[in-house]
Amino acid sequence: RGLAALVGLAAAFAVFVGFTFPALLAGEDAMGVALVTSAAVML
């Protein structure tokens, strides 16, 4: 279960780097980015 949690943590940072940061820098709607990021990470 700890290994799975570490894999999930790596996946979360992949979402941040691959989607969240570029979307915010590109001027996309910040509220939408926040909700989509948090939902994707939690799933």
Full PDB file with SEQRES, HELIX, SHEET, SSBOND, CRYST1, ORIGX, SCALE, CONECT and MASTER records, all heavy atoms in Angstrom:
SEQRES   1 A   43  ARG GLY LEU ALA ALA LEU VAL GLY LEU ALA ALA ALA PHE          
SEQRES   2 A   43  ALA VAL PHE VAL GLY PHE THR PHE PRO ALA LEU LEU ALA          
SEQRES   3 A   43  GLY GLU ASP ALA MET GLY VAL ALA LEU VAL THR SER ALA          
SEQRES   4 A   43  ALA VAL MET LEU                                              
HELIX    1 AA1 GLY A    2  VAL A   15  1                                  14    
HELIX    2 AA2 PHE A   16  THR A   20  3                                   5    
HELIX    3 AA3 PHE A   21  LEU A   25  1                                   5    
HELIX    4 AA4 ALA A   30  MET A   42  1                                  13    
CRYST1    1.000    1.000    1.000  90.00  90.00  90.00 P 1           1          
ORIGX1      1.000000  0.000000  0.000000        0.00000                         
ORIGX2      0.000000  1.000000  0.000000        0.00000                         
ORIGX3      0.000000  0.000000  1.000000        0.00000                         
SCALE1      1.000000  0.000000  0.000000        0.00000                         
SCALE2      0.000000  1.000000  0.000000        0.00000                         
SCALE3      0.000000  0.000000  1.000000        0.00000                         
ATOM      1  N   ARG A   1       0.838  -1.198   0.000  1.00  0.00           N  
ATOM      2  CA  ARG A   1       0.000   0.000   0.000  1.00  0.00           C  
ATOM      3  C   ARG A   1       0.878   1.255   0.000  1.00  0.00           C  
ATOM      4  O   ARG A   1       0.537   2.254  -0.643  1.00  0.00           O  
ATOM      5  CB  ARG A   1      -0.927  -0.001   1.208  1.00  0.00           C  
ATOM      6  CG  ARG A   1      -1.839   1.216   1.273  1.00  0.00           C  
ATOM      7  CD  ARG A   1      -3.011   0.988   2.192  1.00  0.00           C  
ATOM      8  NE  ARG A   1      -3.917  -0.028   1.668  1.00  0.00           N  
ATOM      9  CZ  ARG A   1      -5.088  -0.328   2.216  1.00  0.00           C  
ATOM     10  NH1 ARG A   1      -5.478   0.312   3.320  1.00  0.00           N  
ATOM     11  NH2 ARG A   1      -5.857  -1.240   1.697  1.00  0.00           N  
ATOM     12  N   GLY A   2       1.989   1.205   0.715  1.00  0.00           N  
ATOM     13  CA  GLY A   2       2.929   2.325   0.683  1.00  0.00           C  
ATOM     14  C   GLY A   2       3.520   2.531  -0.700  1.00  0.00           C  
ATOM     15  O   GLY A   2       3.680   3.665  -1.165  1.00  0.00           O  
ATOM     16  N   LEU A   3       3.844   1.418  -1.389  1.00  0.00           N  
ATOM     17  CA  LEU A   3       4.357   1.524  -2.755  1.00  0.00           C  
ATOM     18  C   LEU A   3       3.316   2.154  -3.673  1.00  0.00           C  
ATOM     19  O   LEU A   3       3.638   3.018  -4.506  1.00  0.00           O  
ATOM     20  CB  LEU A   3       4.751   0.136  -3.267  1.00  0.00           C  
ATOM     21  CG  LEU A   3       5.237   0.075  -4.716  1.00  0.00           C  
ATOM     22  CD1 LEU A   3       6.496   0.906  -4.903  1.00  0.00           C  
ATOM     23  CD2 LEU A   3       5.490  -1.372  -5.138  1.00  0.00           C  
ATOM     24  N   ALA A   4       2.068   1.739  -3.521  1.00  0.00           N  
ATOM     25  CA  ALA A   4       0.998   2.318  -4.332  1.00  0.00           C  
ATOM     26  C   ALA A   4       0.845   3.813  -4.059  1.00  0.00           C  
ATOM     27  O   ALA A   4       0.607   4.608  -4.975  1.00  0.00           O  
ATOM     28  CB  ALA A   4      -0.309   1.587  -4.058  1.00  0.00           C  
ATOM     29  N   ALA A   5       0.986   4.204  -2.789  1.00  0.00           N  
ATOM     30  CA  ALA A   5       0.891   5.622  -2.445  1.00  0.00           C  
ATOM     31  C   ALA A   5       2.020   6.415  -3.082  1.00  0.00           C  
ATOM     32  O   ALA A   5       1.820   7.542  -3.557  1.00  0.00           O  
ATOM     33  CB  ALA A   5       0.895   5.797  -0.927  1.00  0.00           C  
ATOM     34  N   LEU A   6       3.229   5.855  -3.106  1.00  0.00           N  
ATOM     35  CA  LEU A   6       4.363   6.537  -3.735  1.00  0.00           C  
ATOM     36  C   LEU A   6       4.143   6.687  -5.239  1.00  0.00           C  
ATOM     37  O   LEU A   6       4.466   7.721  -5.826  1.00  0.00           O  
ATOM     38  CB  LEU A   6       5.653   5.770  -3.460  1.00  0.00           C  
ATOM     39  CG  LEU A   6       6.127   5.769  -2.004  1.00  0.00           C  
ATOM     40  CD1 LEU A   6       7.318   4.836  -1.838  1.00  0.00           C  
ATOM     41  CD2 LEU A   6       6.505   7.181  -1.557  1.00  0.00           C  
ATOM     42  N   VAL A   7       3.590   5.651  -5.857  1.00  0.00           N  
ATOM     43  CA  VAL A   7       3.278   5.737  -7.290  1.00  0.00           C  
ATOM     44  C   VAL A   7       2.222   6.820  -7.527  1.00  0.00           C  
ATOM     45  O   VAL A   7       2.310   7.607  -8.479  1.00  0.00           O  
ATOM     46  CB  VAL A   7       2.793   4.374  -7.825  1.00  0.00           C  
ATOM     47  CG1 VAL A   7       2.310   4.505  -9.262  1.00  0.00           C  
ATOM     48  CG2 VAL A   7       3.911   3.344  -7.739  1.00  0.00           C  
ATOM     49  N   GLY A   8       1.225   6.884  -6.650  1.00  0.00           N  
ATOM     50  CA  GLY A   8       0.210   7.931  -6.760  1.00  0.00           C  
ATOM     51  C   GLY A   8       0.801   9.316  -6.596  1.00  0.00           C  
ATOM     52  O   GLY A   8       0.408  10.260  -7.299  1.00  0.00           O  
ATOM     53  N   LEU A   9       1.764   9.460  -5.685  1.00  0.00           N  
ATOM     54  CA  LEU A   9       2.422  10.753  -5.492  1.00  0.00           C  
ATOM     55  C   LEU A   9       3.177  11.167  -6.750  1.00  0.00           C  
ATOM     56  O   LEU A   9       3.119  12.334  -7.175  1.00  0.00           O  
ATOM     57  CB  LEU A   9       3.376  10.665  -4.295  1.00  0.00           C  
ATOM     58  CG  LEU A   9       4.134  11.944  -3.925  1.00  0.00           C  
ATOM     59  CD1 LEU A   9       3.165  13.038  -3.509  1.00  0.00           C  
ATOM     60  CD2 LEU A   9       5.129  11.659  -2.805  1.00  0.00           C  
ATOM     61  N   ALA A  10       3.873  10.208  -7.362  1.00  0.00           N  
ATOM     62  CA  ALA A  10       4.584  10.504  -8.609  1.00  0.00           C  
ATOM     63  C   ALA A  10       3.598  10.906  -9.705  1.00  0.00           C  
ATOM     64  O   ALA A  10       3.853  11.836 -10.486  1.00  0.00           O  
ATOM     65  CB  ALA A  10       5.405   9.288  -9.034  1.00  0.00           C  
ATOM     66  N   ALA A  11       2.457  10.213  -9.778  1.00  0.00           N  
ATOM     67  CA  ALA A  11       1.445  10.550 -10.778  1.00  0.00           C  
ATOM     68  C   ALA A  11       0.883  11.952 -10.534  1.00  0.00           C  
ATOM     69  O   ALA A  11       0.609  12.696 -11.487  1.00  0.00           O  
ATOM     70  CB  ALA A  11       0.320   9.515 -10.746  1.00  0.00           C  
ATOM     71  N   ALA A  12       0.709  12.325  -9.265  1.00  0.00           N  
ATOM     72  CA  ALA A  12       0.198  13.663  -8.949  1.00  0.00           C  
ATOM     73  C   ALA A  12       1.151  14.745  -9.439  1.00  0.00           C  
ATOM     74  O   ALA A  12       0.731  15.746 -10.039  1.00  0.00           O  
ATOM     75  CB  ALA A  12      -0.025  13.790  -7.440  1.00  0.00           C  
ATOM     76  N   PHE A  13       2.442  14.547  -9.204  1.00  0.00           N  
ATOM     77  CA  PHE A  13       3.416  15.542  -9.666  1.00  0.00           C  
ATOM     78  C   PHE A  13       3.487  15.573 -11.186  1.00  0.00           C  
ATOM     79  O   PHE A  13       3.754  16.622 -11.784  1.00  0.00           O  
ATOM     80  CB  PHE A  13       4.790  15.263  -9.057  1.00  0.00           C  
ATOM     81  CG  PHE A  13       4.946  15.838  -7.677  1.00  0.00           C  
ATOM     82  CD1 PHE A  13       4.770  15.062  -6.548  1.00  0.00           C  
ATOM     83  CD2 PHE A  13       5.231  17.181  -7.502  1.00  0.00           C  
ATOM     84  CE1 PHE A  13       4.886  15.589  -5.283  1.00  0.00           C  
ATOM     85  CE2 PHE A  13       5.362  17.735  -6.243  1.00  0.00           C  
ATOM     86  CZ  PHE A  13       5.191  16.944  -5.123  1.00  0.00           C  
ATOM     87  N   ALA A  14       3.238  14.444 -11.827  1.00  0.00           N  
ATOM     88  CA  ALA A  14       3.174  14.429 -13.289  1.00  0.00           C  
ATOM     89  C   ALA A  14       2.017  15.290 -13.779  1.00  0.00           C  
ATOM     90  O   ALA A  14       2.133  16.000 -14.794  1.00  0.00           O  
ATOM     91  CB  ALA A  14       3.036  12.993 -13.793  1.00  0.00           C  
ATOM     92  N   VAL A  15       0.880  15.253 -13.073  1.00  0.00           N  
ATOM     93  CA  VAL A  15      -0.259  16.107 -13.425  1.00  0.00           C  
ATOM     94  C   VAL A  15       0.096  17.579 -13.238  1.00  0.00           C  
ATOM     95  O   VAL A  15      -0.216  18.429 -14.084  1.00  0.00           O  
ATOM     96  CB  VAL A  15      -1.497  15.728 -12.585  1.00  0.00           C  
ATOM     97  CG1 VAL A  15      -2.642  16.719 -12.827  1.00  0.00           C  
ATOM     98  CG2 VAL A  15      -1.959  14.317 -12.906  1.00  0.00           C  
ATOM     99  N   PHE A  16       0.761  17.898 -12.126  1.00  0.00           N  
ATOM    100  CA  PHE A  16       1.160  19.286 -11.875  1.00  0.00           C  
ATOM    101  C   PHE A  16       2.061  19.814 -12.999  1.00  0.00           C  
ATOM    102  O   PHE A  16       1.836  20.891 -13.546  1.00  0.00           O  
ATOM    103  CB  PHE A  16       1.888  19.410 -10.538  1.00  0.00           C  
ATOM    104  CG  PHE A  16       1.038  19.092  -9.340  1.00  0.00           C  
ATOM    105  CD1 PHE A  16       1.602  18.571  -8.188  1.00  0.00           C  
ATOM    106  CD2 PHE A  16      -0.326  19.307  -9.358  1.00  0.00           C  
ATOM    107  CE1 PHE A  16       0.830  18.267  -7.082  1.00  0.00           C  
ATOM    108  CE2 PHE A  16      -1.122  19.010  -8.258  1.00  0.00           C  
ATOM    109  CZ  PHE A  16      -0.533  18.492  -7.118  1.00  0.00           C  
ATOM    110  N   VAL A  17       3.100  19.048 -13.306  1.00  0.00           N  
ATOM    111  CA  VAL A  17       4.103  19.499 -14.275  1.00  0.00           C  
ATOM    112  C   VAL A  17       3.554  19.462 -15.699  1.00  0.00           C  
ATOM    113  O   VAL A  17       3.828  20.353 -16.512  1.00  0.00           O  
ATOM    114  CB  VAL A  17       5.385  18.636 -14.161  1.00  0.00           C  
ATOM    115  CG1 VAL A  17       6.383  19.009 -15.245  1.00  0.00           C  
ATOM    116  CG2 VAL A  17       6.012  18.815 -12.782  1.00  0.00           C  
ATOM    117  N   GLY A  18       2.775  18.419 -16.019  1.00  0.00           N  
ATOM    118  CA  GLY A  18       2.305  18.264 -17.384  1.00  0.00           C  
ATOM    119  C   GLY A  18       1.087  19.094 -17.739  1.00  0.00           C  
ATOM    120  O   GLY A  18       0.902  19.462 -18.902  1.00  0.00           O  
ATOM    121  N   PHE A  19       0.237  19.391 -16.719  1.00  0.00           N  
ATOM    122  CA  PHE A  19      -1.002  20.117 -17.021  1.00  0.00           C  
ATOM    123  C   PHE A  19      -1.148  21.418 -16.230  1.00  0.00           C  
ATOM    124  O   PHE A  19      -1.324  22.490 -16.817  1.00  0.00           O  
ATOM    125  CB  PHE A  19      -2.202  19.216 -16.746  1.00  0.00           C  
ATOM    126  CG  PHE A  19      -3.511  19.953 -16.711  1.00  0.00           C  
ATOM    127  CD1 PHE A  19      -4.058  20.474 -17.880  1.00  0.00           C  
ATOM    128  CD2 PHE A  19      -4.189  20.153 -15.509  1.00  0.00           C  
ATOM    129  CE1 PHE A  19      -5.267  21.184 -17.852  1.00  0.00           C  
ATOM    130  CE2 PHE A  19      -5.388  20.846 -15.479  1.00  0.00           C  
ATOM    131  CZ  PHE A  19      -5.923  21.367 -16.648  1.00  0.00           C  
ATOM    132  N   THR A  20      -1.068  21.341 -14.904  1.00  0.00           N  
ATOM    133  CA  THR A  20      -1.413  22.490 -14.069  1.00  0.00           C  
ATOM    134  C   THR A  20      -0.530  23.702 -14.340  1.00  0.00           C  
ATOM    135  O   THR A  20      -1.032  24.812 -14.599  1.00  0.00           O  
ATOM    136  CB  THR A  20      -1.319  22.102 -12.581  1.00  0.00           C  
ATOM    137  OG1 THR A  20      -2.047  20.896 -12.348  1.00  0.00           O  
ATOM    138  CG2 THR A  20      -1.880  23.212 -11.715  1.00  0.00           C  
ATOM    139  N   PHE A  21       0.782  23.516 -14.269  1.00  0.00           N  
ATOM    140  CA  PHE A  21       1.692  24.649 -14.453  1.00  0.00           C  
ATOM    141  C   PHE A  21       1.577  25.258 -15.853  1.00  0.00           C  
ATOM    142  O   PHE A  21       1.442  26.483 -15.985  1.00  0.00           O  
ATOM    143  CB  PHE A  21       3.135  24.226 -14.169  1.00  0.00           C  
ATOM    144  CG  PHE A  21       3.353  23.721 -12.764  1.00  0.00           C  
ATOM    145  CD1 PHE A  21       4.476  22.966 -12.447  1.00  0.00           C  
ATOM    146  CD2 PHE A  21       2.446  23.989 -11.755  1.00  0.00           C  
ATOM    147  CE1 PHE A  21       4.688  22.494 -11.164  1.00  0.00           C  
ATOM    148  CE2 PHE A  21       2.639  23.526 -10.459  1.00  0.00           C  
ATOM    149  CZ  PHE A  21       3.768  22.771 -10.169  1.00  0.00           C  
ATOM    150  N   PRO A  22       1.632  24.449 -16.925  1.00  0.00           N  
ATOM    151  CA  PRO A  22       1.471  25.051 -18.261  1.00  0.00           C  
ATOM    152  C   PRO A  22       0.130  25.746 -18.449  1.00  0.00           C  
ATOM    153  O   PRO A  22       0.057  26.814 -19.092  1.00  0.00           O  
ATOM    154  CB  PRO A  22       1.622  23.851 -19.212  1.00  0.00           C  
ATOM    155  CG  PRO A  22       2.392  22.838 -18.444  1.00  0.00           C  
ATOM    156  CD  PRO A  22       1.949  23.014 -17.022  1.00  0.00           C  
ATOM    157  N   ALA A  23      -0.952  25.169 -17.922  1.00  0.00           N  
ATOM    158  CA  ALA A  23      -2.272  25.777 -18.094  1.00  0.00           C  
ATOM    159  C   ALA A  23      -2.352  27.136 -17.400  1.00  0.00           C  
ATOM    160  O   ALA A  23      -2.893  28.102 -17.957  1.00  0.00           O  
ATOM    161  CB  ALA A  23      -3.350  24.840 -17.561  1.00  0.00           C  
ATOM    162  N   LEU A  24      -1.818  27.236 -16.186  1.00  0.00           N  
ATOM    163  CA  LEU A  24      -1.833  28.517 -15.476  1.00  0.00           C  
ATOM    164  C   LEU A  24      -0.967  29.553 -16.190  1.00  0.00           C  
ATOM    165  O   LEU A  24      -1.339  30.726 -16.300  1.00  0.00           O  
ATOM    166  CB  LEU A  24      -1.353  28.322 -14.033  1.00  0.00           C  
ATOM    167  CG  LEU A  24      -2.290  27.531 -13.110  1.00  0.00           C  
ATOM    168  CD1 LEU A  24      -1.625  27.294 -11.767  1.00  0.00           C  
ATOM    169  CD2 LEU A  24      -3.622  28.248 -12.924  1.00  0.00           C  
ATOM    170  N   LEU A  25       0.202  29.140 -16.664  1.00  0.00           N  
ATOM    171  CA  LEU A  25       1.096  30.064 -17.360  1.00  0.00           C  
ATOM    172  C   LEU A  25       0.503  30.522 -18.687  1.00  0.00           C  
ATOM    173  O   LEU A  25       0.799  31.617 -19.170  1.00  0.00           O  
ATOM    174  CB  LEU A  25       2.453  29.405 -17.596  1.00  0.00           C  
ATOM    175  CG  LEU A  25       3.300  29.168 -16.344  1.00  0.00           C  
ATOM    176  CD1 LEU A  25       4.528  28.339 -16.670  1.00  0.00           C  
ATOM    177  CD2 LEU A  25       3.724  30.512 -15.731  1.00  0.00           C  
ATOM    178  N   ALA A  26      -0.331  29.675 -19.289  1.00  0.00           N  
ATOM    179  CA  ALA A  26      -0.967  30.039 -20.554  1.00  0.00           C  
ATOM    180  C   ALA A  26      -2.188  30.918 -20.356  1.00  0.00           C  
ATOM    181  O   ALA A  26      -2.797  31.364 -21.331  1.00  0.00           O  
ATOM    182  CB  ALA A  26      -1.346  28.779 -21.323  1.00  0.00           C  
ATOM    183  N   GLY A  27      -2.570  31.179 -19.114  1.00  0.00           N  
ATOM    184  CA  GLY A  27      -3.708  32.049 -18.833  1.00  0.00           C  
ATOM    185  C   GLY A  27      -5.048  31.361 -18.870  1.00  0.00           C  
ATOM    186  O   GLY A  27      -6.086  32.032 -18.980  1.00  0.00           O  
ATOM    187  N   GLU A  28      -5.088  30.027 -18.733  1.00  0.00           N  
ATOM    188  CA  GLU A  28      -6.363  29.317 -18.688  1.00  0.00           C  
ATOM    189  C   GLU A  28      -7.097  29.648 -17.381  1.00  0.00           C  
ATOM    190  O   GLU A  28      -6.492  30.116 -16.420  1.00  0.00           O  
ATOM    191  CB  GLU A  28      -6.142  27.805 -18.787  1.00  0.00           C  
ATOM    192  CG  GLU A  28      -5.476  27.345 -20.072  1.00  0.00           C  
ATOM    193  CD  GLU A  28      -6.373  27.499 -21.289  1.00  0.00           C  
ATOM    194  OE1 GLU A  28      -7.591  27.734 -21.109  1.00  0.00           O  
ATOM    195  OE2 GLU A  28      -5.861  27.408 -22.414  1.00  0.00           O  
ATOM    196  N   ASP A  29      -8.406  29.413 -17.373  1.00  0.00           N  
ATOM    197  CA  ASP A  29      -9.222  29.723 -16.201  1.00  0.00           C  
ATOM    198  C   ASP A  29      -8.688  29.004 -14.958  1.00  0.00           C  
ATOM    199  O   ASP A  29      -8.638  27.774 -14.912  1.00  0.00           O  
ATOM    200  CB  ASP A  29     -10.669  29.305 -16.447  1.00  0.00           C  
ATOM    201  CG  ASP A  29     -11.563  29.595 -15.258  1.00  0.00           C  
ATOM    202  OD1 ASP A  29     -11.805  30.772 -14.962  1.00  0.00           O  
ATOM    203  OD2 ASP A  29     -11.998  28.627 -14.612  1.00  0.00           O  
ATOM    204  N   ALA A  30      -8.273  29.785 -13.976  1.00  0.00           N  
ATOM    205  CA  ALA A  30      -7.596  29.218 -12.803  1.00  0.00           C  
ATOM    206  C   ALA A  30      -8.527  28.347 -11.969  1.00  0.00           C  
ATOM    207  O   ALA A  30      -8.101  27.308 -11.442  1.00  0.00           O  
ATOM    208  CB  ALA A  30      -7.005  30.332 -11.940  1.00  0.00           C  
ATOM    209  N   MET A  31      -9.786  28.730 -11.842  1.00  0.00           N  
ATOM    210  CA  MET A  31     -10.726  27.915 -11.073  1.00  0.00           C  
ATOM    211  C   MET A  31     -10.920  26.562 -11.736  1.00  0.00           C  
ATOM    212  O   MET A  31     -10.912  25.518 -11.076  1.00  0.00           O  
ATOM    213  CB  MET A  31     -12.068  28.639 -10.963  1.00  0.00           C  
ATOM    214  CG  MET A  31     -13.179  27.798 -10.332  1.00  0.00           C  
ATOM    215  SD  MET A  31     -12.933  27.525  -8.578  1.00  0.00           S  
ATOM    216  CE  MET A  31     -13.695  29.026  -7.930  1.00  0.00           C  
ATOM    217  N   GLY A  32     -11.094  26.561 -13.046  1.00  0.00           N  
ATOM    218  CA  GLY A  32     -11.232  25.297 -13.767  1.00  0.00           C  
ATOM    219  C   GLY A  32      -9.991  24.437 -13.643  1.00  0.00           C  
ATOM    220  O   GLY A  32     -10.075  23.226 -13.431  1.00  0.00           O  
ATOM    221  N   VAL A  33      -8.823  25.059 -13.748  1.00  0.00           N  
ATOM    222  CA  VAL A  33      -7.565  24.313 -13.615  1.00  0.00           C  
ATOM    223  C   VAL A  33      -7.457  23.697 -12.227  1.00  0.00           C  
ATOM    224  O   VAL A  33      -7.040  22.546 -12.071  1.00  0.00           O  
ATOM    225  CB  VAL A  33      -6.356  25.235 -13.906  1.00  0.00           C  
ATOM    226  CG1 VAL A  33      -5.044  24.527 -13.577  1.00  0.00           C  
ATOM    227  CG2 VAL A  33      -6.356  25.673 -15.362  1.00  0.00           C  
ATOM    228  N   ALA A  34      -7.833  24.450 -11.202  1.00  0.00           N  
ATOM    229  CA  ALA A  34      -7.752  23.945  -9.830  1.00  0.00           C  
ATOM    230  C   ALA A  34      -8.666  22.743  -9.630  1.00  0.00           C  
ATOM    231  O   ALA A  34      -8.254  21.721  -9.053  1.00  0.00           O  
ATOM    232  CB  ALA A  34      -8.109  25.054  -8.842  1.00  0.00           C  
ATOM    233  N   LEU A  35      -9.916  22.847 -10.089  1.00  0.00           N  
ATOM    234  CA  LEU A  35     -10.864  21.756  -9.885  1.00  0.00           C  
ATOM    235  C   LEU A  35     -10.485  20.525 -10.710  1.00  0.00           C  
ATOM    236  O   LEU A  35     -10.571  19.386 -10.215  1.00  0.00           O  
ATOM    237  CB  LEU A  35     -12.270  22.220 -10.247  1.00  0.00           C  
ATOM    238  CG  LEU A  35     -12.886  23.272  -9.313  1.00  0.00           C  
ATOM    239  CD1 LEU A  35     -14.235  23.733  -9.834  1.00  0.00           C  
ATOM    240  CD2 LEU A  35     -13.023  22.718  -7.896  1.00  0.00           C  
ATOM    241  N   VAL A  36     -10.075  20.720 -11.947  1.00  0.00           N  
ATOM    242  CA  VAL A  36      -9.683  19.585 -12.784  1.00  0.00           C  
ATOM    243  C   VAL A  36      -8.437  18.919 -12.221  1.00  0.00           C  
ATOM    244  O   VAL A  36      -8.348  17.680 -12.161  1.00  0.00           O  
ATOM    245  CB  VAL A  36      -9.454  20.049 -14.238  1.00  0.00           C  
ATOM    246  CG1 VAL A  36      -8.816  18.940 -15.061  1.00  0.00           C  
ATOM    247  CG2 VAL A  36     -10.766  20.470 -14.871  1.00  0.00           C  
ATOM    248  N   THR A  37      -7.468  19.714 -11.795  1.00  0.00           N  
ATOM    249  CA  THR A  37      -6.239  19.146 -11.222  1.00  0.00           C  
ATOM    250  C   THR A  37      -6.547  18.336  -9.979  1.00  0.00           C  
ATOM    251  O   THR A  37      -6.091  17.194  -9.840  1.00  0.00           O  
ATOM    252  CB  THR A  37      -5.248  20.266 -10.879  1.00  0.00           C  
ATOM    253  OG1 THR A  37      -4.868  20.960 -12.064  1.00  0.00           O  
ATOM    254  CG2 THR A  37      -3.995  19.694 -10.218  1.00  0.00           C  
ATOM    255  N   SER A  38      -7.304  18.920  -9.061  1.00  0.00           N  
ATOM    256  CA  SER A  38      -7.580  18.230  -7.793  1.00  0.00           C  
ATOM    257  C   SER A  38      -8.393  16.963  -8.030  1.00  0.00           C  
ATOM    258  O   SER A  38      -8.142  15.924  -7.405  1.00  0.00           O  
ATOM    259  CB  SER A  38      -8.304  19.165  -6.830  1.00  0.00           C  
ATOM    260  OG  SER A  38      -9.482  19.695  -7.417  1.00  0.00           O  
ATOM    261  N   ALA A  39      -9.366  17.005  -8.941  1.00  0.00           N  
ATOM    262  CA  ALA A  39     -10.170  15.818  -9.221  1.00  0.00           C  
ATOM    263  C   ALA A  39      -9.311  14.732  -9.852  1.00  0.00           C  
ATOM    264  O   ALA A  39      -9.413  13.551  -9.485  1.00  0.00           O  
ATOM    265  CB  ALA A  39     -11.339  16.178 -10.137  1.00  0.00           C  
ATOM    266  N   ALA A  40      -8.479  15.100 -10.818  1.00  0.00           N  
ATOM    267  CA  ALA A  40      -7.623  14.114 -11.477  1.00  0.00           C  
ATOM    268  C   ALA A  40      -6.651  13.481 -10.490  1.00  0.00           C  
ATOM    269  O   ALA A  40      -6.454  12.252 -10.482  1.00  0.00           O  
ATOM    270  CB  ALA A  40      -6.857  14.778 -12.622  1.00  0.00           C  
ATOM    271  N   VAL A  41      -6.061  14.291  -9.636  1.00  0.00           N  
ATOM    272  CA  VAL A  41      -5.100  13.769  -8.664  1.00  0.00           C  
ATOM    273  C   VAL A  41      -5.784  12.837  -7.668  1.00  0.00           C  
ATOM    274  O   VAL A  41      -5.282  11.752  -7.350  1.00  0.00           O  
ATOM    275  CB  VAL A  41      -4.396  14.934  -7.942  1.00  0.00           C  
ATOM    276  CG1 VAL A  41      -3.603  14.424  -6.741  1.00  0.00           C  
ATOM    277  CG2 VAL A  41      -3.469  15.668  -8.896  1.00  0.00           C  
ATOM    278  N   MET A  42      -6.939  13.248  -7.169  1.00  0.00           N  
ATOM    279  CA  MET A  42      -7.640  12.415  -6.190  1.00  0.00           C  
ATOM    280  C   MET A  42      -8.101  11.093  -6.789  1.00  0.00           C  
ATOM    281  O   MET A  42      -8.054  10.049  -6.132  1.00  0.00           O  
ATOM    282  CB  MET A  42      -8.829  13.175  -5.618  1.00  0.00           C  
ATOM    283  CG  MET A  42      -8.473  14.297  -4.655  1.00  0.00           C  
ATOM    284  SD  MET A  42      -7.645  13.698  -3.153  1.00  0.00           S  
ATOM    285  CE  MET A  42      -5.921  14.013  -3.550  1.00  0.00           C  
ATOM    286  N   LEU A  43      -8.572  11.113  -8.041  1.00  0.00           N  
ATOM    287  CA  LEU A  43      -8.983   9.870  -8.689  1.00  0.00           C  
ATOM    288  C   LEU A  43      -7.829   8.879  -8.764  1.00  0.00           C  
ATOM    289  O   LEU A  43      -8.003   7.678  -8.533  1.00  0.00           O  
ATOM    290  CB  LEU A  43      -9.510  10.174 -10.095  1.00  0.00           C  
ATOM    291  CG  LEU A  43     -10.932  10.732 -10.183  1.00  0.00           C  
ATOM    292  CD1 LEU A  43     -11.208  11.293 -11.572  1.00  0.00           C  
ATOM    293  CD2 LEU A  43     -11.947   9.644  -9.849  1.00  0.00           C  
TER     294      LEU A  43                                                      
MASTER        0    0    0    4    0    0    0    6  293    1    0    4          
END                                                                             
